[in-house]
């Protein structure tokens, strides 16, 4: 006896989000870290969230120019080091 069935119609809704241990908003652009940054919002690019060894998180495109001029976290002033050394490549959004 077979227990096969056929799905004739299905509607699926999914979502995702970063599970962040500290801040949930990027304090540089002031947008949620679970959405695209202010800088990437209109460019059709997906934001990538990075975390410092201090535990604070930012959109990569927001923190990158900051740490080029300031070597400290904008929230706690600890010396800035990326917690993960794999930094993103900018990608176009999938449509």
PDB file of N, CA and C in Angstrom:
ATOM      1  N   UNK A   1       0.830  -1.175   0.000  1.00  0.00           N
ATOM      2  CA  UNK A   1       0.000   0.000   0.000  1.00  0.00           C
ATOM      3  C   UNK A   1       0.880   1.246   0.000  1.00  0.00           C
ATOM      4  N   UNK A   2       0.591   2.168  -0.875  1.00  0.00           N
ATOM      5  CA  UNK A   2       1.376   3.385  -1.016  1.00  0.00           C
ATOM      6  C   UNK A   2       0.705   4.538  -0.274  1.00  0.00           C
ATOM      7  N   UNK A   3       1.508   5.358   0.360  1.00  0.00           N
ATOM      8  CA  UNK A   3       0.950   6.514   1.078  1.00  0.00           C
ATOM      9  C   UNK A   3       1.390   7.811   0.401  1.00  0.00           C
ATOM     10  N   UNK A   4       1.334   7.858  -0.897  1.00  0.00           N
ATOM     11  CA  UNK A   4       1.695   9.060  -1.651  1.00  0.00           C
ATOM     12  C   UNK A   4       0.525  10.030  -1.658  1.00  0.00           C
ATOM     13  N   UNK A   5       0.864  11.299  -1.773  1.00  0.00           N
ATOM     14  CA  UNK A   5      -0.161  12.316  -1.932  1.00  0.00           C
ATOM     15  C   UNK A   5       0.383  13.389  -2.872  1.00  0.00           C
ATOM     16  N   UNK A   6      -0.487  14.197  -3.420  1.00  0.00           N
ATOM     17  CA  UNK A   6      -0.116  15.251  -4.359  1.00  0.00           C
ATOM     18  C   UNK A   6      -0.540  16.588  -3.766  1.00  0.00           C
ATOM     19  N   UNK A   7       0.391  17.523  -3.719  1.00  0.00           N
ATOM     20  CA  UNK A   7       0.088  18.876  -3.269  1.00  0.00           C
ATOM     21  C   UNK A   7      -0.347  19.669  -4.491  1.00  0.00           C
ATOM     22  N   UNK A   8      -1.570  20.151  -4.466  1.00  0.00           N
ATOM     23  CA  UNK A   8      -2.101  20.885  -5.619  1.00  0.00           C
ATOM     24  C   UNK A   8      -1.909  22.386  -5.479  1.00  0.00           C
ATOM     25  N   UNK A   9      -1.825  22.862  -4.266  1.00  0.00           N
ATOM     26  CA  UNK A   9      -1.644  24.293  -4.050  1.00  0.00           C
ATOM     27  C   UNK A   9      -0.974  24.481  -2.694  1.00  0.00           C
ATOM     28  N   UNK A  10       0.051  25.321  -2.665  1.00  0.00           N
ATOM     29  CA  UNK A  10       0.734  25.589  -1.406  1.00  0.00           C
ATOM     30  C   UNK A  10       1.228  27.029  -1.420  1.00  0.00           C
ATOM     31  N   UNK A  11       1.113  27.666  -0.311  1.00  0.00           N
ATOM     32  CA  UNK A  11       1.623  29.029  -0.151  1.00  0.00           C
ATOM     33  C   UNK A  11       2.530  29.016   1.062  1.00  0.00           C
ATOM     34  N   UNK A  12       3.767  29.389   0.846  1.00  0.00           N
ATOM     35  CA  UNK A  12       4.763  29.343   1.908  1.00  0.00           C
ATOM     36  C   UNK A  12       5.293  30.748   2.153  1.00  0.00           C
ATOM     37  N   UNK A  13       5.413  31.094   3.392  1.00  0.00           N
ATOM     38  CA  UNK A  13       5.978  32.365   3.795  1.00  0.00           C
ATOM     39  C   UNK A  13       7.155  32.063   4.703  1.00  0.00           C
ATOM     40  N   UNK A  14       8.280  32.641   4.400  1.00  0.00           N
ATOM     41  CA  UNK A  14       9.443  32.418   5.259  1.00  0.00           C
ATOM     42  C   UNK A  14      10.074  33.759   5.593  1.00  0.00           C
ATOM     43  N   UNK A  15      10.848  33.778   6.613  1.00  0.00           N
ATOM     44  CA  UNK A  15      11.588  34.976   6.994  1.00  0.00           C
ATOM     45  C   UNK A  15      12.858  34.548   7.702  1.00  0.00           C
ATOM     46  N   UNK A  16      13.750  35.463   7.866  1.00  0.00           N
ATOM     47  CA  UNK A  16      14.998  35.195   8.551  1.00  0.00           C
ATOM     48  C   UNK A  16      15.399  36.451   9.304  1.00  0.00           C
ATOM     49  N   UNK A  17      16.340  36.327  10.173  1.00  0.00           N
ATOM     50  CA  UNK A  17      16.871  37.451  10.905  1.00  0.00           C
ATOM     51  C   UNK A  17      18.150  37.060  11.604  1.00  0.00           C
ATOM     52  N   UNK A  18      18.966  38.040  11.876  1.00  0.00           N
ATOM     53  CA  UNK A  18      20.196  37.792  12.622  1.00  0.00           C
ATOM     54  C   UNK A  18      19.855  37.650  14.100  1.00  0.00           C
ATOM     55  N   UNK A  19      20.450  36.690  14.763  1.00  0.00           N
ATOM     56  CA  UNK A  19      20.302  36.508  16.199  1.00  0.00           C
ATOM     57  C   UNK A  19      21.499  37.196  16.852  1.00  0.00           C
ATOM     58  N   UNK A  20      21.327  38.464  17.202  1.00  0.00           N
ATOM     59  CA  UNK A  20      22.442  39.279  17.676  1.00  0.00           C
ATOM     60  C   UNK A  20      22.507  39.317  19.192  1.00  0.00           C
ATOM     61  N   UNK A  21      23.706  39.257  19.707  1.00  0.00           N
ATOM     62  CA  UNK A  21      23.883  39.211  21.161  1.00  0.00           C
ATOM     63  C   UNK A  21      23.883  40.598  21.800  1.00  0.00           C
ATOM     64  N   UNK A  22      24.101  41.645  21.025  1.00  0.00           N
ATOM     65  CA  UNK A  22      24.203  42.979  21.607  1.00  0.00           C
ATOM     66  C   UNK A  22      23.186  43.917  20.956  1.00  0.00           C
ATOM     67  N   UNK A  23      23.633  44.815  20.129  1.00  0.00           N
ATOM     68  CA  UNK A  23      22.740  45.798  19.502  1.00  0.00           C
ATOM     69  C   UNK A  23      21.967  45.198  18.334  1.00  0.00           C
ATOM     70  N   UNK A  24      20.759  45.684  18.113  1.00  0.00           N
ATOM     71  CA  UNK A  24      19.933  45.199  16.997  1.00  0.00           C
ATOM     72  C   UNK A  24      19.803  46.234  15.883  1.00  0.00           C
ATOM     73  N   UNK A  25      20.284  47.437  16.118  1.00  0.00           N
ATOM     74  CA  UNK A  25      20.295  48.488  15.111  1.00  0.00           C
ATOM     75  C   UNK A  25      21.737  48.889  14.826  1.00  0.00           C
ATOM     76  N   UNK A  26      21.994  49.285  13.580  1.00  0.00           N
ATOM     77  CA  UNK A  26      23.299  49.813  13.208  1.00  0.00           C
ATOM     78  C   UNK A  26      23.334  51.253  13.712  1.00  0.00           C
ATOM     79  N   UNK A  27      24.237  51.552  14.622  1.00  0.00           N
ATOM     80  CA  UNK A  27      24.264  52.897  15.197  1.00  0.00           C
ATOM     81  C   UNK A  27      24.875  53.928  14.253  1.00  0.00           C
ATOM     82  N   UNK A  28      25.381  53.481  13.115  1.00  0.00           N
ATOM     83  CA  UNK A  28      25.929  54.420  12.139  1.00  0.00           C
ATOM     84  C   UNK A  28      24.828  54.927  11.215  1.00  0.00           C
ATOM     85  N   UNK A  29      24.054  54.014  10.595  1.00  0.00           N
ATOM     86  CA  UNK A  29      22.977  54.453   9.692  1.00  0.00           C
ATOM     87  C   UNK A  29      21.614  54.465  10.386  1.00  0.00           C
ATOM     88  N   UNK A  30      21.540  53.898  11.592  1.00  0.00           N
ATOM     89  CA  UNK A  30      20.324  53.860  12.413  1.00  0.00           C
ATOM     90  C   UNK A  30      19.197  53.012  11.837  1.00  0.00           C
ATOM     91  N   UNK A  31      19.536  52.042  10.992  1.00  0.00           N
ATOM     92  CA  UNK A  31      18.558  51.078  10.482  1.00  0.00           C
ATOM     93  C   UNK A  31      18.735  49.760  11.206  1.00  0.00           C
ATOM     94  N   UNK A  32      17.696  48.974  11.231  1.00  0.00           N
ATOM     95  CA  UNK A  32      17.763  47.655  11.841  1.00  0.00           C
ATOM     96  C   UNK A  32      18.820  46.818  11.136  1.00  0.00           C
ATOM     97  N   UNK A  33      19.537  46.018  11.890  1.00  0.00           N
ATOM     98  CA  UNK A  33      20.525  45.119  11.298  1.00  0.00           C
ATOM     99  C   UNK A  33      19.863  43.976  10.544  1.00  0.00           C
ATOM    100  N   UNK A  34      18.563  43.798  10.716  1.00  0.00           N
ATOM    101  CA  UNK A  34      17.825  42.781   9.972  1.00  0.00           C
ATOM    102  C   UNK A  34      17.214  43.336   8.690  1.00  0.00           C
ATOM    103  N   UNK A  35      17.624  44.541   8.298  1.00  0.00           N
ATOM    104  CA  UNK A  35      17.220  45.114   7.012  1.00  0.00           C
ATOM    105  C   UNK A  35      18.458  45.726   6.365  1.00  0.00           C
ATOM    106  N   UNK A  36      18.322  46.162   5.141  1.00  0.00           N
ATOM    107  CA  UNK A  36      19.461  46.759   4.452  1.00  0.00           C
ATOM    108  C   UNK A  36      19.800  48.118   5.043  1.00  0.00           C
ATOM    109  N   UNK A  37      21.055  48.488   4.912  1.00  0.00           N
ATOM    110  CA  UNK A  37      21.514  49.763   5.440  1.00  0.00           C
ATOM    111  C   UNK A  37      20.945  50.929   4.651  1.00  0.00           C
ATOM    112  N   UNK A  38      21.030  52.086   5.202  1.00  0.00           N
ATOM    113  CA  UNK A  38      20.609  53.311   4.530  1.00  0.00           C
ATOM    114  C   UNK A  38      21.362  53.481   3.216  1.00  0.00           C
ATOM    115  N   UNK A  39      22.634  53.102   3.185  1.00  0.00           N
ATOM    116  CA  UNK A  39      23.469  53.266   2.003  1.00  0.00           C
ATOM    117  C   UNK A  39      23.132  52.276   0.891  1.00  0.00           C
ATOM    118  N   UNK A  40      22.701  51.061   1.253  1.00  0.00           N
ATOM    119  CA  UNK A  40      22.424  50.034   0.255  1.00  0.00           C
ATOM    120  C   UNK A  40      20.948  49.933  -0.113  1.00  0.00           C
ATOM    121  N   UNK A  41      20.101  50.591   0.631  1.00  0.00           N
ATOM    122  CA  UNK A  41      18.659  50.500   0.456  1.00  0.00           C
ATOM    123  C   UNK A  41      18.212  50.790  -0.977  1.00  0.00           C
ATOM    124  N   UNK A  42      18.733  51.833  -1.588  1.00  0.00           N
ATOM    125  CA  UNK A  42      18.308  52.239  -2.922  1.00  0.00           C
ATOM    126  C   UNK A  42      19.234  51.759  -4.034  1.00  0.00           C
ATOM    127  N   UNK A  43      20.282  51.031  -3.683  1.00  0.00           N
ATOM    128  CA  UNK A  43      21.256  50.593  -4.686  1.00  0.00           C
ATOM    129  C   UNK A  43      21.025  49.170  -5.179  1.00  0.00           C
ATOM    130  N   UNK A  44      20.041  48.484  -4.632  1.00  0.00           N
ATOM    131  CA  UNK A  44      19.789  47.114  -5.045  1.00  0.00           C
ATOM    132  C   UNK A  44      20.823  46.138  -4.523  1.00  0.00           C
ATOM    133  N   UNK A  45      21.492  46.481  -3.431  1.00  0.00           N
ATOM    134  CA  UNK A  45      22.510  45.619  -2.840  1.00  0.00           C
ATOM    135  C   UNK A  45      22.031  45.092  -1.496  1.00  0.00           C
ATOM    136  N   UNK A  46      22.438  43.894  -1.152  1.00  0.00           N
ATOM    137  CA  UNK A  46      22.107  43.315   0.142  1.00  0.00           C
ATOM    138  C   UNK A  46      23.180  43.678   1.165  1.00  0.00           C
ATOM    139  N   UNK A  47      22.749  44.082   2.335  1.00  0.00           N
ATOM    140  CA  UNK A  47      23.681  44.388   3.412  1.00  0.00           C
ATOM    141  C   UNK A  47      24.180  43.109   4.062  1.00  0.00           C
ATOM    142  N   UNK A  48      25.366  43.175   4.618  1.00  0.00           N
ATOM    143  CA  UNK A  48      25.988  42.072   5.328  1.00  0.00           C
ATOM    144  C   UNK A  48      26.334  42.591   6.709  1.00  0.00           C
ATOM    145  N   UNK A  49      25.998  41.855   7.738  1.00  0.00           N
ATOM    146  CA  UNK A  49      26.249  42.294   9.107  1.00  0.00           C
ATOM    147  C   UNK A  49      27.562  41.686   9.600  1.00  0.00           C
ATOM    148  N   UNK A  50      28.394  42.537  10.187  1.00  0.00           N
ATOM    149  CA  UNK A  50      29.650  42.079  10.778  1.00  0.00           C
ATOM    150  C   UNK A  50      29.642  42.418  12.256  1.00  0.00           C
ATOM    151  N   UNK A  51      30.401  41.637  12.997  1.00  0.00           N
ATOM    152  CA  UNK A  51      30.489  41.846  14.443  1.00  0.00           C
ATOM    153  C   UNK A  51      31.945  42.060  14.819  1.00  0.00           C
ATOM    154  N   UNK A  52      32.145  42.944  15.779  1.00  0.00           N
ATOM    155  CA  UNK A  52      33.486  43.170  16.299  1.00  0.00           C
ATOM    156  C   UNK A  52      33.759  42.224  17.455  1.00  0.00           C
ATOM    157  N   UNK A  53      35.026  42.103  17.832  1.00  0.00           N
ATOM    158  CA  UNK A  53      35.379  41.250  18.964  1.00  0.00           C
ATOM    159  C   UNK A  53      34.775  41.773  20.269  1.00  0.00           C
ATOM    160  N   UNK A  54      34.344  43.036  20.273  1.00  0.00           N
ATOM    161  CA  UNK A  54      33.687  43.623  21.445  1.00  0.00           C
ATOM    162  C   UNK A  54      32.230  43.164  21.558  1.00  0.00           C
ATOM    163  N   UNK A  55      31.692  42.547  20.478  1.00  0.00           N
ATOM    164  CA  UNK A  55      30.318  42.053  20.501  1.00  0.00           C
ATOM    165  C   UNK A  55      29.311  42.940  19.799  1.00  0.00           C
ATOM    166  N   UNK A  56      29.706  44.140  19.395  1.00  0.00           N
ATOM    167  CA  UNK A  56      28.788  45.043  18.708  1.00  0.00           C
ATOM    168  C   UNK A  56      28.773  44.753  17.206  1.00  0.00           C
ATOM    169  N   UNK A  57      27.596  44.919  16.593  1.00  0.00           N
ATOM    170  CA  UNK A  57      27.392  44.586  15.184  1.00  0.00           C
ATOM    171  C   UNK A  57      26.992  45.816  14.379  1.00  0.00           C
ATOM    172  N   UNK A  58      27.366  45.785  13.101  1.00  0.00           N
ATOM    173  CA  UNK A  58      27.084  46.886  12.185  1.00  0.00           C
ATOM    174  C   UNK A  58      26.901  46.325  10.789  1.00  0.00           C
ATOM    175  N   UNK A  59      26.265  47.102   9.920  1.00  0.00           N
ATOM    176  CA  UNK A  59      26.294  46.771   8.497  1.00  0.00           C
ATOM    177  C   UNK A  59      27.749  46.960   8.055  1.00  0.00           C
ATOM    178  N   UNK A  60      28.253  46.041   7.260  1.00  0.00           N
ATOM    179  CA  UNK A  60      29.651  46.125   6.818  1.00  0.00           C
ATOM    180  C   UNK A  60      29.932  47.432   6.090  1.00  0.00           C
ATOM    181  N   UNK A  61      29.010  47.850   5.208  1.00  0.00           N
ATOM    182  CA  UNK A  61      29.223  49.065   4.443  1.00  0.00           C
ATOM    183  C   UNK A  61      29.178  50.320   5.312  1.00  0.00           C
ATOM    184  N   UNK A  62      28.647  50.230   6.506  1.00  0.00           N
ATOM    185  CA  UNK A  62      28.633  51.361   7.439  1.00  0.00           C
ATOM    186  C   UNK A  62      29.907  51.404   8.277  1.00  0.00           C
ATOM    187  N   UNK A  63      30.340  50.258   8.786  1.00  0.00           N
ATOM    188  CA  UNK A  63      31.498  50.226   9.683  1.00  0.00           C
ATOM    189  C   UNK A  63      32.815  50.350   8.926  1.00  0.00           C
ATOM    190  N   UNK A  64      32.842  49.896   7.677  1.00  0.00           N
ATOM    191  CA  UNK A  64      34.101  49.915   6.916  1.00  0.00           C
ATOM    192  C   UNK A  64      34.719  51.311   6.832  1.00  0.00           C
ATOM    193  N   UNK A  65      33.978  52.363   6.369  1.00  0.00           N
ATOM    194  CA  UNK A  65      34.593  53.695   6.324  1.00  0.00           C
ATOM    195  C   UNK A  65      34.931  54.237   7.720  1.00  0.00           C
ATOM    196  N   UNK A  66      34.153  53.835   8.715  1.00  0.00           N
ATOM    197  CA  UNK A  66      34.411  54.273  10.089  1.00  0.00           C
ATOM    198  C   UNK A  66      35.768  53.775  10.565  1.00  0.00           C
ATOM    199  N   UNK A  67      36.026  52.479  10.411  1.00  0.00           N
ATOM    200  CA  UNK A  67      37.281  51.919  10.939  1.00  0.00           C
ATOM    201  C   UNK A  67      38.491  52.298  10.096  1.00  0.00           C
ATOM    202  N   UNK A  68      38.259  52.788   8.879  1.00  0.00           N
ATOM    203  CA  UNK A  68      39.392  53.306   8.100  1.00  0.00           C
ATOM    204  C   UNK A  68      39.939  54.588   8.721  1.00  0.00           C
ATOM    205  N   UNK A  69      39.080  55.330   9.430  1.00  0.00           N
ATOM    206  CA  UNK A  69      39.493  56.583  10.071  1.00  0.00           C
ATOM    207  C   UNK A  69      39.641  56.454  11.584  1.00  0.00           C
ATOM    208  N   UNK A  70      38.807  55.621  12.193  1.00  0.00           N
ATOM    209  CA  UNK A  70      38.804  55.433  13.648  1.00  0.00           C
ATOM    210  C   UNK A  70      39.047  53.957  13.922  1.00  0.00           C
ATOM    211  N   UNK A  71      39.944  53.643  14.775  1.00  0.00           N
ATOM    212  CA  UNK A  71      40.285  52.239  15.035  1.00  0.00           C
ATOM    213  C   UNK A  71      39.534  51.687  16.244  1.00  0.00           C
ATOM    214  N   UNK A  72      38.423  52.340  16.609  1.00  0.00           N
ATOM    215  CA  UNK A  72      37.674  51.932  17.794  1.00  0.00           C
ATOM    216  C   UNK A  72      36.196  51.758  17.474  1.00  0.00           C
ATOM    217  N   UNK A  73      35.530  50.906  18.218  1.00  0.00           N
ATOM    218  CA  UNK A  73      34.091  50.673  18.073  1.00  0.00           C
ATOM    219  C   UNK A  73      33.344  51.975  18.361  1.00  0.00           C
ATOM    220  N   UNK A  74      32.385  52.363  17.513  1.00  0.00           N
ATOM    221  CA  UNK A  74      31.639  53.594  17.756  1.00  0.00           C
ATOM    222  C   UNK A  74      30.696  53.523  18.953  1.00  0.00           C
ATOM    223  N   UNK A  75      30.457  52.328  19.487  1.00  0.00           N
ATOM    224  CA  UNK A  75      29.563  52.199  20.645  1.00  0.00           C
ATOM    225  C   UNK A  75      30.342  52.193  21.960  1.00  0.00           C
ATOM    226  N   UNK A  76      31.358  51.334  22.057  1.00  0.00           N
ATOM    227  CA  UNK A  76      32.036  51.159  23.353  1.00  0.00           C
ATOM    228  C   UNK A  76      33.480  51.656  23.373  1.00  0.00           C
ATOM    229  N   UNK A  77      33.991  52.102  22.243  1.00  0.00           N
ATOM    230  CA  UNK A  77      35.358  52.623  22.111  1.00  0.00           C
ATOM    231  C   UNK A  77      36.456  51.578  22.285  1.00  0.00           C
ATOM    232  N   UNK A  78      36.089  50.296  22.308  1.00  0.00           N
ATOM    233  CA  UNK A  78      37.114  49.250  22.351  1.00  0.00           C
ATOM    234  C   UNK A  78      37.834  49.233  21.004  1.00  0.00           C
ATOM    235  N   UNK A  79      39.072  48.768  20.992  1.00  0.00           N
ATOM    236  CA  UNK A  79      39.800  48.658  19.727  1.00  0.00           C
ATOM    237  C   UNK A  79      39.000  47.769  18.781  1.00  0.00           C
ATOM    238  N   UNK A  80      38.798  48.235  17.534  1.00  0.00           N
ATOM    239  CA  UNK A  80      37.969  47.483  16.593  1.00  0.00           C
ATOM    240  C   UNK A  80      38.752  46.379  15.909  1.00  0.00           C
ATOM    241  N   UNK A  81      38.239  45.170  16.010  1.00  0.00           N
ATOM    242  CA  UNK A  81      38.725  44.014  15.268  1.00  0.00           C
ATOM    243  C   UNK A  81      37.497  43.234  14.849  1.00  0.00           C
ATOM    244  N   UNK A  82      37.476  42.768  13.598  1.00  0.00           N
ATOM    245  CA  UNK A  82      36.364  41.961  13.128  1.00  0.00           C
ATOM    246  C   UNK A  82      36.402  40.608  13.817  1.00  0.00           C
ATOM    247  N   UNK A  83      35.256  40.153  14.311  1.00  0.00           N
ATOM    248  CA  UNK A  83      35.169  38.843  14.957  1.00  0.00           C
ATOM    249  C   UNK A  83      35.327  37.729  13.927  1.00  0.00           C
ATOM    250  N   UNK A  84      34.864  37.959  12.697  1.00  0.00           N
ATOM    251  CA  UNK A  84      34.968  36.982  11.609  1.00  0.00           C
ATOM    252  C   UNK A  84      35.793  37.616  10.504  1.00  0.00           C
ATOM    253  N   UNK A  85      36.838  36.968  10.106  1.00  0.00           N
ATOM    254  CA  UNK A  85      37.731  37.533   9.085  1.00  0.00           C
ATOM    255  C   UNK A  85      37.214  37.394   7.655  1.00  0.00           C
ATOM    256  N   UNK A  86      36.141  36.613   7.440  1.00  0.00           N
ATOM    257  CA  UNK A  86      35.581  36.488   6.095  1.00  0.00           C
ATOM    258  C   UNK A  86      34.689  37.692   5.837  1.00  0.00           C
ATOM    259  N   UNK A  87      35.175  38.651   5.093  1.00  0.00           N
ATOM    260  CA  UNK A  87      34.410  39.852   4.809  1.00  0.00           C
ATOM    261  C   UNK A  87      33.645  39.678   3.505  1.00  0.00           C
ATOM    262  N   UNK A  88      32.501  40.348   3.386  1.00  0.00           N
ATOM    263  CA  UNK A  88      31.599  40.113   2.257  1.00  0.00           C
ATOM    264  C   UNK A  88      32.073  40.716   0.945  1.00  0.00           C
ATOM    265  N   UNK A  89      31.528  40.173  -0.131  1.00  0.00           N
ATOM    266  CA  UNK A  89      31.635  40.761  -1.468  1.00  0.00           C
ATOM    267  C   UNK A  89      30.251  41.338  -1.750  1.00  0.00           C
ATOM    268  N   UNK A  90      30.163  42.546  -2.267  1.00  0.00           N
ATOM    269  CA  UNK A  90      28.861  43.144  -2.592  1.00  0.00           C
ATOM    270  C   UNK A  90      28.174  42.331  -3.674  1.00  0.00           C
ATOM    271  N   UNK A  91      26.877  42.076  -3.472  1.00  0.00           N
ATOM    272  CA  UNK A  91      26.101  41.291  -4.424  1.00  0.00           C
ATOM    273  C   UNK A  91      24.817  42.018  -4.749  1.00  0.00           C
ATOM    274  N   UNK A  92      24.365  41.866  -5.972  1.00  0.00           N
ATOM    275  CA  UNK A  92      23.059  42.381  -6.348  1.00  0.00           C
ATOM    276  C   UNK A  92      21.980  41.514  -5.713  1.00  0.00           C
ATOM    277  N   UNK A  93      20.846  42.117  -5.407  1.00  0.00           N
ATOM    278  CA  UNK A  93      19.707  41.377  -4.867  1.00  0.00           C
ATOM    279  C   UNK A  93      19.181  40.434  -5.923  1.00  0.00           C
ATOM    280  N   UNK A  94      18.670  39.305  -5.468  1.00  0.00           N
ATOM    281  CA  UNK A  94      18.006  38.371  -6.371  1.00  0.00           C
ATOM    282  C   UNK A  94      16.589  38.853  -6.607  1.00  0.00           C
ATOM    283  N   UNK A  95      16.184  38.897  -7.855  1.00  0.00           N
ATOM    284  CA  UNK A  95      14.811  39.339  -8.146  1.00  0.00           C
ATOM    285  C   UNK A  95      14.020  38.225  -8.764  1.00  0.00           C
TER     286      UNK A  95
END
